[in-house]
C-alpha atoms as a PDB file:
ATOM      1  CA  MET A   1     -21.553  11.474  29.528  1.00  0.00           C
ATOM      2  CA  ARG A   2     -18.671  11.391  27.045  1.00  0.00           C
ATOM      3  CA  PRO A   3     -17.260   8.014  25.993  1.00  0.00           C
ATOM      4  CA  THR A   4     -13.876   6.839  27.241  1.00  0.00           C
ATOM      5  CA  ALA A   5     -11.146   6.112  24.686  1.00  0.00           C
ATOM      6  CA  VAL A   6      -7.453   5.226  24.700  1.00  0.00           C
ATOM      7  CA  TYR A   7      -4.503   5.306  22.361  1.00  0.00           C
ATOM      8  CA  MET A   8      -3.124   1.778  21.909  1.00  0.00           C
ATOM      9  CA  THR A   9      -0.053   0.732  19.930  1.00  0.00           C
ATOM     10  CA  ASP A  10       3.396  -0.764  20.341  1.00  0.00           C
ATOM     11  CA  THR A  11       4.927   1.560  17.741  1.00  0.00           C
ATOM     12  CA  ASN A  12       7.634   3.981  18.872  1.00  0.00           C
ATOM     13  CA  SER A  13       6.638   7.363  20.246  1.00  0.00           C
ATOM     14  CA  VAL A  14       8.136   9.366  17.366  1.00  0.00           C
ATOM     15  CA  THR A  15       6.104   7.465  14.780  1.00  0.00           C
ATOM     16  CA  PHE A  16       3.002   7.657  16.964  1.00  0.00           C
ATOM     17  CA  HIS A  17       3.178  11.453  17.183  1.00  0.00           C
ATOM     18  CA  ASP A  18       3.767  11.698  13.433  1.00  0.00           C
ATOM     19  CA  VAL A  19       0.530   9.790  12.923  1.00  0.00           C
ATOM     20  CA  TYR A  20      -1.323  11.606  15.702  1.00  0.00           C
ATOM     21  CA  PRO A  21      -0.165  15.245  15.665  1.00  0.00           C
ATOM     22  CA  ASP A  22      -1.388  17.617  18.360  1.00  0.00           C
ATOM     23  CA  SER A  23      -3.996  19.122  16.044  1.00  0.00           C
ATOM     24  CA  THR A  24      -5.712  15.760  15.540  1.00  0.00           C
ATOM     25  CA  MET A  25      -5.389  14.741  19.187  1.00  0.00           C
ATOM     26  CA  GLU A  26      -7.165  17.959  20.147  1.00  0.00           C
ATOM     27  CA  LYS A  27     -10.074  17.070  17.853  1.00  0.00           C
ATOM     28  CA  ILE A  28     -10.246  13.571  19.347  1.00  0.00           C
ATOM     29  CA  ARG A  29     -10.432  15.121  22.832  1.00  0.00           C
ATOM     30  CA  GLU A  30     -13.522  16.985  21.662  1.00  0.00           C
ATOM     31  CA  LEU A  31     -15.182  13.615  21.024  1.00  0.00           C
ATOM     32  CA  CYS A  32     -13.948  11.437  23.890  1.00  0.00           C
ATOM     33  CA  ASP A  33     -12.361  11.445  27.307  1.00  0.00           C
ATOM     34  CA  ILE A  34      -8.913  10.211  26.362  1.00  0.00           C
ATOM     35  CA  PRO A  35      -5.673  10.352  28.389  1.00  0.00           C
ATOM     36  CA  ASP A  36      -2.424  11.503  26.799  1.00  0.00           C
ATOM     37  CA  GLY A  37      -0.544   8.243  27.387  1.00  0.00           C
ATOM     38  CA  VAL A  38      -0.394   5.246  25.084  1.00  0.00           C
ATOM     39  CA  ILE A  39      -1.414   1.707  26.059  1.00  0.00           C
ATOM     40  CA  THR A  40       1.212  -0.831  25.005  1.00  0.00           C
ATOM     41  CA  SER A  41       1.668  -4.548  25.508  1.00  0.00           C
ATOM     42  CA  ALA A  42       4.151  -3.678  28.279  1.00  0.00           C
ATOM     43  CA  ASN A  43       1.698  -1.604  30.340  1.00  0.00           C
ATOM     44  CA  LEU A  44      -1.559  -3.385  29.536  1.00  0.00           C
ATOM     45  CA  GLU A  45      -1.972  -4.791  33.036  1.00  0.00           C
ATOM     46  CA  GLU A  46      -1.044  -1.487  34.651  1.00  0.00           C
ATOM     47  CA  HIS A  47      -4.005   0.170  32.911  1.00  0.00           C
ATOM     48  CA  ARG A  48      -6.561  -2.557  33.570  1.00  0.00           C
ATOM     49  CA  ALA A  49      -8.962  -0.212  35.386  1.00  0.00           C
ATOM     50  CA  LEU A  50      -8.919   2.345  32.544  1.00  0.00           C
ATOM     51  CA  LEU A  51      -9.358  -0.344  29.901  1.00  0.00           C
ATOM     52  CA  ALA A  52     -12.359  -1.780  31.727  1.00  0.00           C
ATOM     53  CA  GLU A  53     -14.184   1.513  31.007  1.00  0.00           C
ATOM     54  CA  THR A  54     -12.824   2.025  27.475  1.00  0.00           C
ATOM     55  CA  GLU A  55     -15.312   2.130  24.604  1.00  0.00           C
ATOM     56  CA  TYR A  56     -13.020   3.205  21.769  1.00  0.00           C
ATOM     57  CA  ILE A  57      -9.413   2.570  20.749  1.00  0.00           C
ATOM     58  CA  PHE A  58      -7.376   4.843  18.492  1.00  0.00           C
ATOM     59  CA  SER A  59      -4.362   3.043  17.078  1.00  0.00           C
ATOM     60  CA  THR A  60      -1.885   2.854  14.206  1.00  0.00           C
ATOM     61  CA  TRP A  61       0.928   0.540  13.072  1.00  0.00           C
ATOM     62  CA  GLY A  62       1.809  -1.699  15.998  1.00  0.00           C
ATOM     63  CA  MET A  63      -1.763  -2.208  17.192  1.00  0.00           C
ATOM     64  CA  LEU A  64      -1.781  -4.921  19.849  1.00  0.00           C
ATOM     65  CA  SER A  65      -2.791  -8.336  18.514  1.00  0.00           C
ATOM     66  CA  LEU A  66      -5.169  -9.473  21.278  1.00  0.00           C
ATOM     67  CA  THR A  67      -7.036 -12.761  21.597  1.00  0.00           C
ATOM     68  CA  GLU A  68     -10.780 -12.902  22.106  1.00  0.00           C
ATOM     69  CA  GLU A  69     -10.123 -13.909  25.695  1.00  0.00           C
ATOM     70  CA  GLN A  70      -7.885 -10.899  26.286  1.00  0.00           C
ATOM     71  CA  ILE A  71     -10.462  -8.584  24.721  1.00  0.00           C
ATOM     72  CA  ALA A  72     -13.183  -9.953  27.009  1.00  0.00           C
ATOM     73  CA  ASP A  73     -10.871  -9.665  30.026  1.00  0.00           C
ATOM     74  CA  TYR A  74      -9.350  -6.217  29.486  1.00  0.00           C
ATOM     75  CA  LEU A  75     -11.912  -4.460  27.256  1.00  0.00           C
ATOM     76  CA  PRO A  76     -15.430  -5.612  28.222  1.00  0.00           C
ATOM     77  CA  ARG A  77     -17.087  -2.331  27.098  1.00  0.00           C
ATOM     78  CA  LEU A  78     -15.171  -1.837  23.856  1.00  0.00           C
ATOM     79  CA  LYS A  79     -17.320  -0.812  20.871  1.00  0.00           C
ATOM     80  CA  ALA A  80     -14.890   0.134  18.108  1.00  0.00           C
ATOM     81  CA  VAL A  81     -11.254   0.324  17.009  1.00  0.00           C
ATOM     82  CA  PHE A  82     -10.154   3.259  14.839  1.00  0.00           C
ATOM     83  CA  TYR A  83      -6.934   2.178  13.120  1.00  0.00           C
ATOM     84  CA  ALA A  84      -4.920   5.016  11.609  1.00  0.00           C
ATOM     85  CA  ALA A  85      -3.002   2.810   9.161  1.00  0.00           C
ATOM     86  CA  GLY A  86      -3.747   0.362   6.358  1.00  0.00           C
ATOM     87  CA  SER A  87      -4.065  -3.406   6.639  1.00  0.00           C
ATOM     88  CA  VAL A  88      -5.922  -4.790   9.672  1.00  0.00           C
ATOM     89  CA  GLN A  89      -5.380  -8.411   8.694  1.00  0.00           C
ATOM     90  CA  TYR A  90      -3.077  -9.252  11.601  1.00  0.00           C
ATOM     91  CA  PHE A  91      -5.316  -8.082  14.452  1.00  0.00           C
ATOM     92  CA  ALA A  92      -8.930  -7.523  13.345  1.00  0.00           C
ATOM     93  CA  ARG A  93     -10.565 -10.960  13.439  1.00  0.00           C
ATOM     94  CA  PRO A  94     -10.755 -11.421  17.240  1.00  0.00           C
ATOM     95  CA  PHE A  95     -12.345  -7.967  17.569  1.00  0.00           C
ATOM     96  CA  LEU A  96     -14.843  -8.629  14.788  1.00  0.00           C
ATOM     97  CA  ASN A  97     -15.689 -12.009  16.298  1.00  0.00           C
ATOM     98  CA  LYS A  98     -16.552 -10.190  19.526  1.00  0.00           C
ATOM     99  CA  GLY A  99     -18.905  -7.834  17.682  1.00  0.00           C
ATOM    100  CA  ILE A 100     -16.499  -4.887  17.958  1.00  0.00           C
ATOM    101  CA  ARG A 101     -16.454  -2.657  14.910  1.00  0.00           C
ATOM    102  CA  VAL A 102     -13.144  -1.967  13.165  1.00  0.00           C
ATOM    103  CA  PHE A 103     -12.366   1.061  11.020  1.00  0.00           C
ATOM    104  CA  SER A 104      -9.189   1.488   8.960  1.00  0.00           C
ATOM    105  CA  ALA A 105      -7.515   4.428   7.246  1.00  0.00           C
ATOM    106  CA  TRP A 106      -6.571   2.273   4.274  1.00  0.00           C
ATOM    107  CA  ALA A 107      -7.950   4.959   1.966  1.00  0.00           C
ATOM    108  CA  ALA A 108      -5.634   7.571   3.460  1.00  0.00           C
ATOM    109  CA  ASN A 109      -2.650   5.251   3.161  1.00  0.00           C
ATOM    110  CA  ALA A 110      -3.572   4.617  -0.463  1.00  0.00           C
ATOM    111  CA  VAL A 111      -2.994   8.252  -1.433  1.00  0.00           C
ATOM    112  CA  PRO A 112       0.840   8.412  -1.240  1.00  0.00           C
ATOM    113  CA  VAL A 113       1.150   4.926  -2.767  1.00  0.00           C
ATOM    114  CA  ALA A 114      -0.968   5.991  -5.732  1.00  0.00           C
ATOM    115  CA  GLU A 115       0.964   9.254  -6.089  1.00  0.00           C
ATOM    116  CA  TYR A 116       4.259   7.362  -5.998  1.00  0.00           C
ATOM    117  CA  THR A 117       2.992   4.852  -8.561  1.00  0.00           C
ATOM    118  CA  ILE A 118       1.845   7.558 -10.968  1.00  0.00           C
ATOM    119  CA  ALA A 119       5.235   9.259 -10.711  1.00  0.00           C
ATOM    120  CA  GLN A 120       7.010   5.989 -11.485  1.00  0.00           C
ATOM    121  CA  ILE A 121       4.725   5.244 -14.431  1.00  0.00           C
ATOM    122  CA  ILE A 122       5.310   8.647 -16.030  1.00  0.00           C
ATOM    123  CA  LEU A 123       9.052   8.771 -15.361  1.00  0.00           C
ATOM    124  CA  SER A 124       9.699   5.182 -16.440  1.00  0.00           C
ATOM    125  CA  GLY A 125       7.693   5.850 -19.595  1.00  0.00           C
ATOM    126  CA  LYS A 126      10.340   8.434 -20.505  1.00  0.00           C
ATOM    127  CA  GLY A 127      13.164   6.076 -19.537  1.00  0.00           C
ATOM    128  CA  MET A 128      14.334   8.321 -16.689  1.00  0.00           C
ATOM    129  CA  PHE A 129      15.586   5.592 -14.339  1.00  0.00           C
ATOM    130  CA  ARG A 130      17.755   3.903 -16.950  1.00  0.00           C
ATOM    131  CA  ASP A 131      18.898   7.273 -18.324  1.00  0.00           C
ATOM    132  CA  MET A 132      20.072   8.475 -14.915  1.00  0.00           C
ATOM    133  CA  ARG A 133      22.040   5.304 -14.289  1.00  0.00           C
ATOM    134  CA  MET A 134      23.639   5.391 -17.738  1.00  0.00           C
ATOM    135  CA  MET A 135      24.715   9.008 -17.357  1.00  0.00           C
ATOM    136  CA  ARG A 136      25.943   8.710 -13.774  1.00  0.00           C
ATOM    137  CA  GLU A 137      27.992   5.538 -14.125  1.00  0.00           C
ATOM    138  CA  ALA A 138      29.629   6.098 -17.492  1.00  0.00           C
ATOM    139  CA  LYS A 139      33.228   7.320 -17.789  1.00  0.00           C
ATOM    140  CA  GLU A 140      32.690   9.192 -21.035  1.00  0.00           C
ATOM    141  CA  LYS A 141      30.007  11.679 -20.017  1.00  0.00           C
ATOM    142  CA  HIS A 142      29.111  13.115 -23.389  1.00  0.00           C
ATOM    143  CA  ALA A 143      28.933   9.671 -24.933  1.00  0.00           C
ATOM    144  CA  ALA A 144      26.782   8.530 -22.002  1.00  0.00           C
ATOM    145  CA  ARG A 145      24.378  11.398 -22.570  1.00  0.00           C
ATOM    146  CA  ALA A 146      24.055  10.490 -26.219  1.00  0.00           C
ATOM    147  CA  ALA A 147      23.496   6.823 -25.347  1.00  0.00           C
ATOM    148  CA  ALA A 148      20.856   7.715 -22.775  1.00  0.00           C
ATOM    149  CA  ALA A 149      19.032   9.947 -25.222  1.00  0.00           C
ATOM    150  CA  ALA A 150      19.193   7.199 -27.839  1.00  0.00           C
ATOM    151  CA  TYR A 151      17.726   4.750 -25.320  1.00  0.00           C
ATOM    152  CA  THR A 152      14.734   6.992 -24.590  1.00  0.00           C
ATOM    153  CA  HIS A 153      14.129   7.290 -28.333  1.00  0.00           C
ATOM    154  CA  THR A 154      13.582   3.514 -28.437  1.00  0.00           C
ATOM    155  CA  LEU A 155      10.598   3.863 -26.043  1.00  0.00           C
ATOM    156  CA  PRO A 156       6.981   4.606 -26.970  1.00  0.00           C
ATOM    157  CA  CYS A 157       6.918   7.070 -24.020  1.00  0.00           C
ATOM    158  CA  ASN A 158       3.614   8.316 -22.575  1.00  0.00           C
ATOM    159  CA  TYR A 159       1.011   8.573 -25.301  1.00  0.00           C
ATOM    160  CA  GLY A 160      -1.324   5.801 -26.391  1.00  0.00           C
ATOM    161  CA  VAL A 161       0.559   2.982 -24.646  1.00  0.00           C
ATOM    162  CA  LYS A 162      -1.000   0.264 -22.523  1.00  0.00           C
ATOM    163  CA  VAL A 163      -0.550   0.366 -18.751  1.00  0.00           C
ATOM    164  CA  GLY A 164      -1.491  -2.721 -16.756  1.00  0.00           C
ATOM    165  CA  LEU A 165      -2.700  -2.593 -13.156  1.00  0.00           C
ATOM    166  CA  LEU A 166      -2.749  -5.744 -11.063  1.00  0.00           C
ATOM    167  CA  GLY A 167      -5.470  -5.285  -8.457  1.00  0.00           C
ATOM    168  CA  ALA A 168      -8.323  -2.786  -8.285  1.00  0.00           C
ATOM    169  CA  GLY A 169      -8.643  -2.290  -4.558  1.00  0.00           C
ATOM    170  CA  MET A 170      -8.404   1.113  -2.928  1.00  0.00           C
ATOM    171  CA  ILE A 171      -4.900   1.833  -4.276  1.00  0.00           C
ATOM    172  CA  GLY A 172      -5.570   0.375  -7.712  1.00  0.00           C
ATOM    173  CA  ARG A 173      -8.739   2.445  -8.085  1.00  0.00           C
ATOM    174  CA  LEU A 174      -6.990   5.613  -7.033  1.00  0.00           C
ATOM    175  CA  VAL A 175      -4.244   4.921  -9.580  1.00  0.00           C
ATOM    176  CA  MET A 176      -6.922   4.355 -12.233  1.00  0.00           C
ATOM    177  CA  LYS A 177      -8.553   7.661 -11.300  1.00  0.00           C
ATOM    178  CA  MET A 178      -5.251   9.529 -11.556  1.00  0.00           C
ATOM    179  CA  LEU A 179      -4.403   7.868 -14.869  1.00  0.00           C
ATOM    180  CA  MET A 180      -7.547   9.404 -16.364  1.00  0.00           C
ATOM    181  CA  ASP A 181      -5.544  12.640 -16.665  1.00  0.00           C
ATOM    182  CA  TYR A 182      -3.148  10.935 -19.110  1.00  0.00           C
ATOM    183  CA  ASP A 183      -3.424   9.377 -22.551  1.00  0.00           C
ATOM    184  CA  PHE A 184      -2.964   5.712 -21.648  1.00  0.00           C
ATOM    185  CA  GLU A 185      -4.991   2.611 -22.369  1.00  0.00           C
ATOM    186  CA  VAL A 186      -5.465   1.021 -18.939  1.00  0.00           C
ATOM    187  CA  LEU A 187      -5.873  -2.732 -18.534  1.00  0.00           C
ATOM    188  CA  VAL A 188      -6.784  -4.182 -15.134  1.00  0.00           C
ATOM    189  CA  TYR A 189      -6.544  -7.639 -13.632  1.00  0.00           C
ATOM    190  CA  ASP A 190      -8.858  -8.169 -10.668  1.00  0.00           C
ATOM    191  CA  PRO A 191     -11.317 -11.086 -10.513  1.00  0.00           C
ATOM    192  CA  PHE A 192     -13.377  -9.349  -7.822  1.00  0.00           C
ATOM    193  CA  VAL A 193     -14.060  -5.938  -9.404  1.00  0.00           C
ATOM    194  CA  ASP A 194     -17.190  -5.223 -11.436  1.00  0.00           C
ATOM    195  CA  ASP A 195     -16.896  -4.195 -15.081  1.00  0.00           C
ATOM    196  CA  GLY A 196     -18.943  -1.106 -14.221  1.00  0.00           C
ATOM    197  CA  VAL A 197     -16.263   0.079 -11.808  1.00  0.00           C
ATOM    198  CA  LEU A 198     -13.581  -0.322 -14.469  1.00  0.00           C
ATOM    199  CA  ALA A 199     -15.691   1.511 -17.020  1.00  0.00           C
ATOM    200  CA  GLN A 200     -16.101   4.379 -14.557  1.00  0.00           C
ATOM    201  CA  TYR A 201     -12.348   4.917 -14.771  1.00  0.00           C
ATOM    202  CA  GLY A 202     -12.031   4.288 -18.498  1.00  0.00           C
ATOM    203  CA  ALA A 203     -10.241   0.974 -17.924  1.00  0.00           C
ATOM    204  CA  ARG A 204     -10.970  -2.521 -19.166  1.00  0.00           C
ATOM    205  CA  ARG A 205     -10.595  -5.992 -17.700  1.00  0.00           C
ATOM    206  CA  ALA A 206      -7.726  -8.195 -18.872  1.00  0.00           C
ATOM    207  CA  SER A 207      -6.083 -11.465 -17.896  1.00  0.00           C
ATOM    208  CA  LEU A 208      -2.642 -11.572 -16.328  1.00  0.00           C
ATOM    209  CA  GLU A 209      -1.303 -13.097 -19.541  1.00  0.00           C
ATOM    210  CA  GLU A 210      -2.768 -10.280 -21.638  1.00  0.00           C
ATOM    211  CA  ILE A 211      -1.354  -7.587 -19.378  1.00  0.00           C
ATOM    212  CA  PHE A 212       2.165  -9.013 -19.304  1.00  0.00           C
ATOM    213  CA  SER A 213       2.124  -9.579 -23.070  1.00  0.00           C
ATOM    214  CA  GLU A 214       0.709  -6.214 -24.140  1.00  0.00           C
ATOM    215  CA  CYS A 215       1.430  -3.557 -21.513  1.00  0.00           C
ATOM    216  CA  GLN A 216       4.480  -1.338 -21.604  1.00  0.00           C
ATOM    217  CA  ILE A 217       4.228  -0.641 -17.885  1.00  0.00           C
ATOM    218  CA  ILE A 218       2.798  -3.045 -15.275  1.00  0.00           C
ATOM    219  CA  SER A 219       2.102  -2.045 -11.680  1.00  0.00           C
ATOM    220  CA  ASN A 220       1.310  -4.493  -8.875  1.00  0.00           C
ATOM    221  CA  HIS A 221      -1.392  -3.681  -6.305  1.00  0.00           C
ATOM    222  CA  ILE A 222      -2.651  -7.193  -5.541  1.00  0.00           C
ATOM    223  CA  ALA A 223      -3.756  -7.834  -1.954  1.00  0.00           C
ATOM    224  CA  ASN A 224      -1.251  -9.686   0.209  1.00  0.00           C
ATOM    225  CA  LEU A 225      -3.133 -12.924   0.907  1.00  0.00           C
ATOM    226  CA  PRO A 226      -2.088 -16.605   1.170  1.00  0.00           C
ATOM    227  CA  THR A 227      -3.821 -17.259  -2.154  1.00  0.00           C
ATOM    228  CA  THR A 228      -1.746 -14.602  -3.961  1.00  0.00           C
ATOM    229  CA  VAL A 229       1.718 -15.693  -2.807  1.00  0.00           C
ATOM    230  CA  GLY A 230       3.940 -16.534  -5.780  1.00  0.00           C
ATOM    231  CA  MET A 231       1.272 -15.813  -8.378  1.00  0.00           C
ATOM    232  CA  LEU A 232       3.593 -13.647 -10.523  1.00  0.00           C
ATOM    233  CA  ASP A 233       6.045 -16.119 -12.024  1.00  0.00           C
ATOM    234  CA  TYR A 234       8.230 -16.800 -15.063  1.00  0.00           C
ATOM    235  CA  ALA A 235       5.246 -17.728 -17.235  1.00  0.00           C
ATOM    236  CA  LEU A 236       4.178 -14.082 -16.867  1.00  0.00           C
ATOM    237  CA  PHE A 237       7.486 -12.218 -16.635  1.00  0.00           C
ATOM    238  CA  SER A 238       8.789 -13.988 -19.757  1.00  0.00           C
ATOM    239  CA  ARG A 239       5.944 -12.382 -21.714  1.00  0.00           C
ATOM    240  CA  MET A 240       7.073  -8.811 -21.005  1.00  0.00           C
ATOM    241  CA  LYS A 241       7.523  -6.623 -24.072  1.00  0.00           C
ATOM    242  CA  ASP A 242      10.748  -4.964 -25.193  1.00  0.00           C
ATOM    243  CA  ASN A 243      11.592  -2.156 -22.766  1.00  0.00           C
ATOM    244  CA  ALA A 244       8.640  -3.056 -20.532  1.00  0.00           C
ATOM    245  CA  VAL A 245       8.665  -1.956 -16.889  1.00  0.00           C
ATOM    246  CA  PHE A 246       7.397  -3.862 -13.833  1.00  0.00           C
ATOM    247  CA  ILE A 247       6.587  -1.708 -10.791  1.00  0.00           C
ATOM    248  CA  ASN A 248       5.956  -3.214  -7.360  1.00  0.00           C
ATOM    249  CA  THR A 249       4.715  -0.943  -4.582  1.00  0.00           C
ATOM    250  CA  GLY A 250       2.399  -3.625  -3.188  1.00  0.00           C
ATOM    251  CA  ARG A 251       4.024  -6.623  -1.549  1.00  0.00           C
ATOM    252  CA  GLY A 252       6.969  -8.743  -2.584  1.00  0.00           C
ATOM    253  CA  ALA A 253       5.410 -12.094  -1.722  1.00  0.00           C
ATOM    254  CA  GLN A 254       3.331 -12.196  -4.916  1.00  0.00           C
ATOM    255  CA  VAL A 255       6.541 -12.269  -6.987  1.00  0.00           C
ATOM    256  CA  VAL A 256       8.667 -15.360  -7.560  1.00  0.00           C
ATOM    257  CA  GLU A 257      11.831 -13.302  -7.500  1.00  0.00           C
ATOM    258  CA  ASP A 258      14.083 -15.925  -9.098  1.00  0.00           C
ATOM    259  CA  ASP A 259      11.665 -15.933 -12.042  1.00  0.00           C
ATOM    260  CA  LEU A 260      11.682 -12.142 -12.272  1.00  0.00           C
ATOM    261  CA  ILE A 261      15.489 -12.131 -12.143  1.00  0.00           C
ATOM    262  CA  ARG A 262      15.630 -14.746 -14.905  1.00  0.00           C
ATOM    263  CA  ALA A 263      13.332 -12.688 -17.142  1.00  0.00           C
ATOM    264  CA  LEU A 264      15.350  -9.513 -16.497  1.00  0.00           C
ATOM    265  CA  ARG A 265      18.588 -11.268 -17.376  1.00  0.00           C
ATOM    266  CA  GLU A 266      17.151 -12.767 -20.559  1.00  0.00           C
ATOM    267  CA  LYS A 267      16.054  -9.344 -21.822  1.00  0.00           C
ATOM    268  CA  PRO A 268      18.160  -6.619 -20.185  1.00  0.00           C
ATOM    269  CA  ASP A 269      15.988  -3.933 -21.778  1.00  0.00           C
ATOM    270  CA  ARG A 270      13.232  -4.891 -19.297  1.00  0.00           C
ATOM    271  CA  THR A 271      13.182  -2.858 -16.076  1.00  0.00           C
ATOM    272  CA  ALA A 272      11.953  -3.554 -12.542  1.00  0.00           C
ATOM    273  CA  LEU A 273      11.187  -0.765 -10.041  1.00  0.00           C
ATOM    274  CA  LEU A 274      10.845  -2.516  -6.689  1.00  0.00           C
ATOM    275  CA  ASP A 275       9.804  -0.678  -3.553  1.00  0.00           C
ATOM    276  CA  VAL A 276       9.020  -4.035  -1.912  1.00  0.00           C
ATOM    277  CA  THR A 277      10.695  -7.443  -2.102  1.00  0.00           C
ATOM    278  CA  TRP A 278      10.468 -10.827  -0.405  1.00  0.00           C
ATOM    279  CA  PRO A 279      12.341 -11.063   1.848  1.00  0.00           C
ATOM    280  CA  GLU A 280      12.569  -7.372   2.623  1.00  0.00           C
ATOM    281  CA  PRO A 281      15.230  -6.160   2.181  1.00  0.00           C
ATOM    282  CA  PRO A 282      16.580  -8.702  -0.338  1.00  0.00           C
ATOM    283  CA  ALA A 283      19.173 -11.178   0.866  1.00  0.00           C
ATOM    284  CA  GLU A 284      22.730  -9.814   0.812  1.00  0.00           C
ATOM    285  CA  ASP A 285      23.630 -12.051  -2.120  1.00  0.00           C
ATOM    286  CA  SER A 286      20.469 -11.389  -4.134  1.00  0.00           C
ATOM    287  CA  PRO A 287      21.106 -10.382  -7.767  1.00  0.00           C
ATOM    288  CA  LEU A 288      18.481  -7.661  -7.279  1.00  0.00           C
ATOM    289  CA  TRP A 289      21.188  -5.501  -5.704  1.00  0.00           C
ATOM    290  CA  GLU A 290      23.459  -5.748  -8.735  1.00  0.00           C
ATOM    291  CA  LEU A 291      21.318  -5.948 -11.871  1.00  0.00           C
ATOM    292  CA  ASP A 292      21.528  -2.769 -13.936  1.00  0.00           C
ATOM    293  CA  ASN A 293      17.853  -3.017 -14.871  1.00  0.00           C
ATOM    294  CA  VAL A 294      16.609  -3.233 -11.260  1.00  0.00           C
ATOM    295  CA  PHE A 295      15.963  -0.131  -9.147  1.00  0.00           C
ATOM    296  CA  LEU A 296      15.359  -0.735  -5.447  1.00  0.00           C
ATOM    297  CA  THR A 297      13.799   1.675  -2.962  1.00  0.00           C
ATOM    298  CA  PRO A 298      13.351   0.992   0.782  1.00  0.00           C
ATOM    299  CA  HIS A 299       9.555   0.584   1.023  1.00  0.00           C
ATOM    300  CA  ILE A 300       8.820   4.309   0.895  1.00  0.00           C
ATOM    301  CA  ALA A 301       5.655   4.412  -1.232  1.00  0.00           C
ATOM    302  CA  GLY A 302       3.247   4.315   1.726  1.00  0.00           C
ATOM    303  CA  SER A 303       2.543   7.048   4.257  1.00  0.00           C
ATOM    304  CA  LEU A 304       5.678   8.603   5.785  1.00  0.00           C
ATOM    305  CA  LYS A 305       6.262  11.596   8.101  1.00  0.00           C
ATOM    306  CA  ASN A 306       3.654  14.333   7.389  1.00  0.00           C
ATOM    307  CA  GLU A 307       1.698  11.964   5.146  1.00  0.00           C
ATOM    308  CA  THR A 308       0.913   9.720   8.123  1.00  0.00           C
ATOM    309  CA  ALA A 309      -1.129  12.474   9.783  1.00  0.00           C
ATOM    310  CA  ARG A 310      -3.709  12.050   7.028  1.00  0.00           C
ATOM    311  CA  MET A 311      -4.528   8.601   8.462  1.00  0.00           C
ATOM    312  CA  SER A 312      -5.442   9.836  11.948  1.00  0.00           C
ATOM    313  CA  ALA A 313      -7.444  12.685  10.393  1.00  0.00           C
ATOM    314  CA  TYR A 314      -9.510  10.081   8.532  1.00  0.00           C
ATOM    315  CA  MET A 315     -10.089   8.121  11.740  1.00  0.00           C
ATOM    316  CA  GLU A 316     -11.020  11.202  13.776  1.00  0.00           C
ATOM    317  CA  GLU A 317     -13.625  12.059  11.149  1.00  0.00           C
ATOM    318  CA  GLU A 318     -14.825   8.453  11.051  1.00  0.00           C
ATOM    319  CA  CYS A 319     -15.275   8.463  14.834  1.00  0.00           C
ATOM    320  CA  ARG A 320     -17.154  11.750  14.631  1.00  0.00           C
ATOM    321  CA  LYS A 321     -19.595  10.204  12.141  1.00  0.00           C
ATOM    322  CA  PHE A 322     -19.901   7.016  14.205  1.00  0.00           C
ATOM    323  CA  LEU A 323     -20.800   8.915  17.376  1.00  0.00           C
ATOM    324  CA  ALA A 324     -23.323  11.036  15.474  1.00  0.00           C
ATOM    325  CA  GLY A 325     -24.998   7.948  14.020  1.00  0.00           C
ATOM    326  CA  GLU A 326     -24.035   8.958  10.477  1.00  0.00           C
ATOM    327  CA  PRO A 327     -22.919   6.531   7.746  1.00  0.00           C
ATOM    328  CA  CYS A 328     -19.211   5.691   7.989  1.00  0.00           C
ATOM    329  CA  SER A 329     -16.889   5.226   5.030  1.00  0.00           C
ATOM    330  CA  TYR A 330     -14.070   2.952   6.149  1.00  0.00           C
ATOM    331  CA  GLU A 331     -15.490   0.134   8.243  1.00  0.00           C
ATOM    332  CA  VAL A 332     -13.913  -3.298   7.780  1.00  0.00           C
ATOM    333  CA  SER A 333     -16.057  -6.448   7.776  1.00  0.00           C
ATOM    334  CA  MET A 334     -15.070 -10.082   8.098  1.00  0.00           C
ATOM    335  CA  LYS A 335     -16.094 -10.579   4.464  1.00  0.00           C
ATOM    336  CA  MET A 336     -13.783  -7.790   3.339  1.00  0.00           C
ATOM    337  CA  LEU A 337     -10.806  -9.499   4.989  1.00  0.00           C
ATOM    338  CA  GLU A 338     -11.104 -12.304   2.428  1.00  0.00           C
ATOM    339  CA  THR A 339      -9.876 -10.040  -0.388  1.00  0.00           C
ATOM    340  CA  MET A 340      -8.436  -6.807   0.975  1.00  0.00           C
ATOM    341  CA  ALA A 341      -4.757  -6.255   1.650  1.00  0.00           C
END
């Protein structure tokens, strides 16, 4: 007898079908008896009978945050949740406390973030962001081109410079792996990673102070935890080298933004590339909107459109392994929640 599964999420239907395209849903139907509809917080009670028989949940962003009591009431036979997205911090603990296994596609979501980060590292190393702004906003175009070219000639560019990575989780490690194709010296801050892991990627451990003092480009991938809020402050940003670049594709809460703004104003040759802020988006009156050395993007580094389908493909494969009794790759434990994003 095939197991019963459901799709469960409060995300909108367009996003859901981006994450779960027909091709992946067909593969899931090969594994489980699963209806086409989606269980949401609005129709939970309506589907009580189906949920009582459900052994597996396939979800994505917007997974219902259920209490242990609700899980026992609605999902007495549940064995596992397959979450086609990244962080499970907001919903996983009650399931884990009930002995229900949780799997996450954090590795799939790491791919576009790492790709985006690598692109920003290489392009900022050549001064592209500042060059484009200088050439677009200037009135005297030929003079602007000459000034932009002169600016890039003040940079060390992309050979033999130090790149600092803050965090060596799934995204940080993928960035390290990709950086092996370039001629950088990679320094990493992460108190939880083994030296052997860093050596595998040709990187070395460094303190936050060392990274901010020595690295030309610094990229934040620190997990978003209560203990990391506000950890990147003026004492660090004030150490940034001439023409240094700070990239944030992680979370904005680790940054004391007033301190970053102060450091950027003190040395206008510093640059910040911010895909995330805190709050997000920045307040209407935030200087981040106006500073010439700040470049904001609207949280686009993670999985979007076609990229999101990679996450459900990972979870379909993980379910296939789980049902076959094979080792799985992306299970989340309670211990992992202490340090992962």
